[in-house]
Amino acid sequence: MPIFEYQCSKCGHVTSFLEKATDGRIPHTCEKCGSNETEKIFSTFAARSGKASSSSCPTGTCPLS
C-alpha cells in the first residue's frame, strides 16, 4: 500500500497515511489540530541506488551501501 501525504488547510501540518490508491478521496483528520480539512499533496520520495555517494554518506559508513 502506498503512503500518501495530506496537508491540513487550517494549521498547515503534514501527515502521512497508508491507503490504497483505488480508495479515492478518504477524509483524514489532522494529527495536530483535529481538523478534517486536509488536502493530498505531492511528496518527495527516497530512491536507493547500488552505490552511496560521498555527499549522502560523508563518514563512509553509510548503512545503505
N, C-alpha and C. Protein backbone atom coordinates (compact mmCIF):
# COMPACT_ATOMS: atom_id res chain seq x y z
N MET A 1 0.84 -1.17 0.00
CA MET A 1 0.00 0.00 0.00
C MET A 1 0.89 1.24 0.00
N PRO A 2 0.59 2.20 -0.84
CA PRO A 2 1.40 3.42 -0.89
C PRO A 2 1.10 4.36 0.28
N ILE A 3 2.05 5.22 0.55
CA ILE A 3 1.90 6.24 1.58
C ILE A 3 1.59 7.56 0.88
N PHE A 4 0.52 8.20 1.31
CA PHE A 4 0.13 9.50 0.77
C PHE A 4 0.26 10.54 1.86
N GLU A 5 0.63 11.76 1.47
CA GLU A 5 0.75 12.85 2.43
C GLU A 5 -0.39 13.83 2.23
N TYR A 6 -0.93 14.29 3.35
CA TYR A 6 -2.02 15.27 3.35
C TYR A 6 -1.60 16.46 4.19
N GLN A 7 -1.96 17.65 3.72
CA GLN A 7 -1.67 18.87 4.47
C GLN A 7 -2.97 19.47 4.98
N CYS A 8 -2.97 19.86 6.24
CA CYS A 8 -4.14 20.46 6.87
C CYS A 8 -4.33 21.88 6.33
N SER A 9 -5.55 22.19 5.92
CA SER A 9 -5.86 23.52 5.41
C SER A 9 -5.90 24.56 6.51
N LYS A 10 -6.12 24.14 7.75
CA LYS A 10 -6.21 25.08 8.86
C LYS A 10 -4.85 25.41 9.49
N CYS A 11 -4.05 24.39 9.81
CA CYS A 11 -2.80 24.66 10.52
C CYS A 11 -1.54 24.39 9.68
N GLY A 12 -1.68 23.75 8.53
CA GLY A 12 -0.55 23.51 7.64
C GLY A 12 0.25 22.25 7.95
N HIS A 13 -0.12 21.52 8.99
CA HIS A 13 0.61 20.31 9.38
C HIS A 13 0.48 19.25 8.29
N VAL A 14 1.57 18.53 8.01
CA VAL A 14 1.57 17.47 7.01
C VAL A 14 1.58 16.12 7.72
N THR A 15 0.68 15.22 7.31
CA THR A 15 0.55 13.90 7.90
C THR A 15 0.58 12.86 6.80
N SER A 16 1.21 11.72 7.05
CA SER A 16 1.28 10.62 6.08
C SER A 16 0.26 9.54 6.46
N PHE A 17 -0.38 8.97 5.43
CA PHE A 17 -1.35 7.91 5.64
C PHE A 17 -1.10 6.78 4.66
N LEU A 18 -1.24 5.54 5.11
CA LEU A 18 -1.22 4.38 4.23
C LEU A 18 -2.62 4.18 3.69
N GLU A 19 -2.75 4.11 2.38
CA GLU A 19 -4.07 3.86 1.81
C GLU A 19 -3.93 3.28 0.42
N LYS A 20 -4.96 2.56 0.00
CA LYS A 20 -4.98 2.03 -1.35
C LYS A 20 -5.17 3.17 -2.34
N ALA A 21 -4.47 3.10 -3.46
CA ALA A 21 -4.59 4.14 -4.47
C ALA A 21 -5.98 4.16 -5.08
N THR A 22 -6.69 3.05 -5.04
CA THR A 22 -8.03 2.95 -5.64
C THR A 22 -9.14 3.39 -4.69
N ASP A 23 -8.79 3.75 -3.45
CA ASP A 23 -9.81 4.16 -2.47
C ASP A 23 -10.40 5.53 -2.76
N GLY A 24 -9.76 6.32 -3.62
CA GLY A 24 -10.27 7.66 -3.89
C GLY A 24 -10.00 8.58 -2.72
N ARG A 25 -10.79 9.61 -2.61
CA ARG A 25 -10.60 10.62 -1.56
C ARG A 25 -11.22 10.14 -0.26
N ILE A 26 -10.38 9.79 0.67
CA ILE A 26 -10.82 9.37 2.00
C ILE A 26 -10.56 10.54 2.95
N PRO A 27 -11.56 10.98 3.71
CA PRO A 27 -11.31 12.09 4.63
C PRO A 27 -10.35 11.67 5.74
N HIS A 28 -9.37 12.52 6.01
CA HIS A 28 -8.39 12.25 7.06
C HIS A 28 -8.43 13.38 8.08
N THR A 29 -8.05 13.06 9.29
CA THR A 29 -8.04 14.03 10.38
C THR A 29 -6.60 14.45 10.66
N CYS A 30 -6.40 15.74 10.80
CA CYS A 30 -5.08 16.28 11.12
C CYS A 30 -4.68 15.82 12.52
N GLU A 31 -3.46 15.31 12.64
CA GLU A 31 -2.97 14.85 13.94
C GLU A 31 -2.72 16.00 14.91
N LYS A 32 -2.47 17.18 14.37
CA LYS A 32 -2.10 18.32 15.21
C LYS A 32 -3.31 19.07 15.76
N CYS A 33 -4.26 19.44 14.85
CA CYS A 33 -5.38 20.27 15.31
C CYS A 33 -6.74 19.56 15.27
N GLY A 34 -6.82 18.37 14.66
CA GLY A 34 -8.06 17.62 14.63
C GLY A 34 -9.01 17.99 13.50
N SER A 35 -8.60 18.89 12.61
CA SER A 35 -9.45 19.31 11.50
C SER A 35 -9.59 18.18 10.47
N ASN A 36 -10.75 18.13 9.82
CA ASN A 36 -10.97 17.18 8.74
C ASN A 36 -10.72 17.81 7.38
N GLU A 37 -10.22 19.04 7.35
CA GLU A 37 -9.95 19.75 6.11
C GLU A 37 -8.51 19.52 5.68
N THR A 38 -8.26 18.37 5.07
CA THR A 38 -6.92 18.03 4.59
C THR A 38 -6.94 17.86 3.08
N GLU A 39 -5.79 18.15 2.46
CA GLU A 39 -5.66 18.04 1.02
C GLU A 39 -4.45 17.18 0.70
N LYS A 40 -4.58 16.26 -0.27
CA LYS A 40 -3.47 15.43 -0.70
C LYS A 40 -2.44 16.33 -1.37
N ILE A 41 -1.17 16.13 -1.04
CA ILE A 41 -0.10 16.94 -1.62
C ILE A 41 0.93 16.03 -2.29
N PHE A 42 1.71 16.61 -3.20
CA PHE A 42 2.81 15.88 -3.80
C PHE A 42 3.91 15.76 -2.76
N SER A 43 4.52 14.61 -2.69
CA SER A 43 5.59 14.42 -1.71
C SER A 43 6.84 13.91 -2.40
N THR A 44 7.95 14.09 -1.74
CA THR A 44 9.20 13.57 -2.26
C THR A 44 9.35 12.14 -1.79
N PHE A 45 10.22 11.42 -2.44
CA PHE A 45 10.45 10.05 -2.02
C PHE A 45 11.94 9.75 -2.12
N ALA A 46 12.36 8.72 -1.44
CA ALA A 46 13.76 8.33 -1.47
C ALA A 46 13.94 7.17 -2.42
N ALA A 47 14.99 7.23 -3.21
CA ALA A 47 15.32 6.13 -4.11
C ALA A 47 16.69 5.61 -3.71
N ARG A 48 16.85 4.32 -3.78
CA ARG A 48 18.10 3.70 -3.38
C ARG A 48 18.85 3.23 -4.61
N SER A 49 20.11 3.53 -4.67
CA SER A 49 20.94 3.04 -5.76
C SER A 49 21.94 2.04 -5.21
N GLY A 50 22.69 1.42 -6.08
CA GLY A 50 23.65 0.42 -5.65
C GLY A 50 24.90 1.01 -5.01
N LYS A 51 25.14 2.30 -5.18
CA LYS A 51 26.36 2.91 -4.67
C LYS A 51 26.02 4.20 -3.94
N ALA A 52 26.54 4.37 -2.74
CA ALA A 52 26.32 5.60 -1.98
C ALA A 52 27.30 6.66 -2.45
N SER A 53 26.83 7.88 -2.56
CA SER A 53 27.73 8.98 -2.94
C SER A 53 28.35 9.57 -1.69
N SER A 54 29.43 10.30 -1.87
CA SER A 54 30.11 10.89 -0.72
C SER A 54 29.26 11.96 -0.05
N SER A 55 28.38 12.63 -0.81
CA SER A 55 27.55 13.68 -0.21
C SER A 55 26.43 13.10 0.65
N SER A 56 25.93 11.92 0.31
CA SER A 56 24.84 11.33 1.10
C SER A 56 25.38 10.51 2.27
N CYS A 57 26.68 10.23 2.26
CA CYS A 57 27.27 9.40 3.30
C CYS A 57 28.66 9.93 3.62
N PRO A 58 28.75 11.09 4.26
CA PRO A 58 30.04 11.75 4.44
C PRO A 58 31.04 10.97 5.29
N THR A 59 30.60 10.11 6.17
CA THR A 59 31.53 9.39 7.04
C THR A 59 32.07 8.12 6.39
N GLY A 60 31.47 7.70 5.28
CA GLY A 60 31.90 6.49 4.61
C GLY A 60 31.35 5.22 5.23
N THR A 61 30.47 5.34 6.22
CA THR A 61 29.88 4.17 6.87
C THR A 61 28.38 4.16 6.66
N CYS A 62 27.96 4.45 5.47
CA CYS A 62 26.54 4.54 5.15
C CYS A 62 25.90 3.15 5.20
N PRO A 63 24.79 2.99 5.91
CA PRO A 63 24.14 1.68 6.00
C PRO A 63 23.43 1.26 4.72
N LEU A 64 23.27 2.18 3.77
CA LEU A 64 22.57 1.85 2.54
C LEU A 64 23.47 1.23 1.48
N SER A 65 24.74 1.23 1.67
CA SER A 65 25.65 0.72 0.64
C SER A 65 25.82 -0.78 0.72
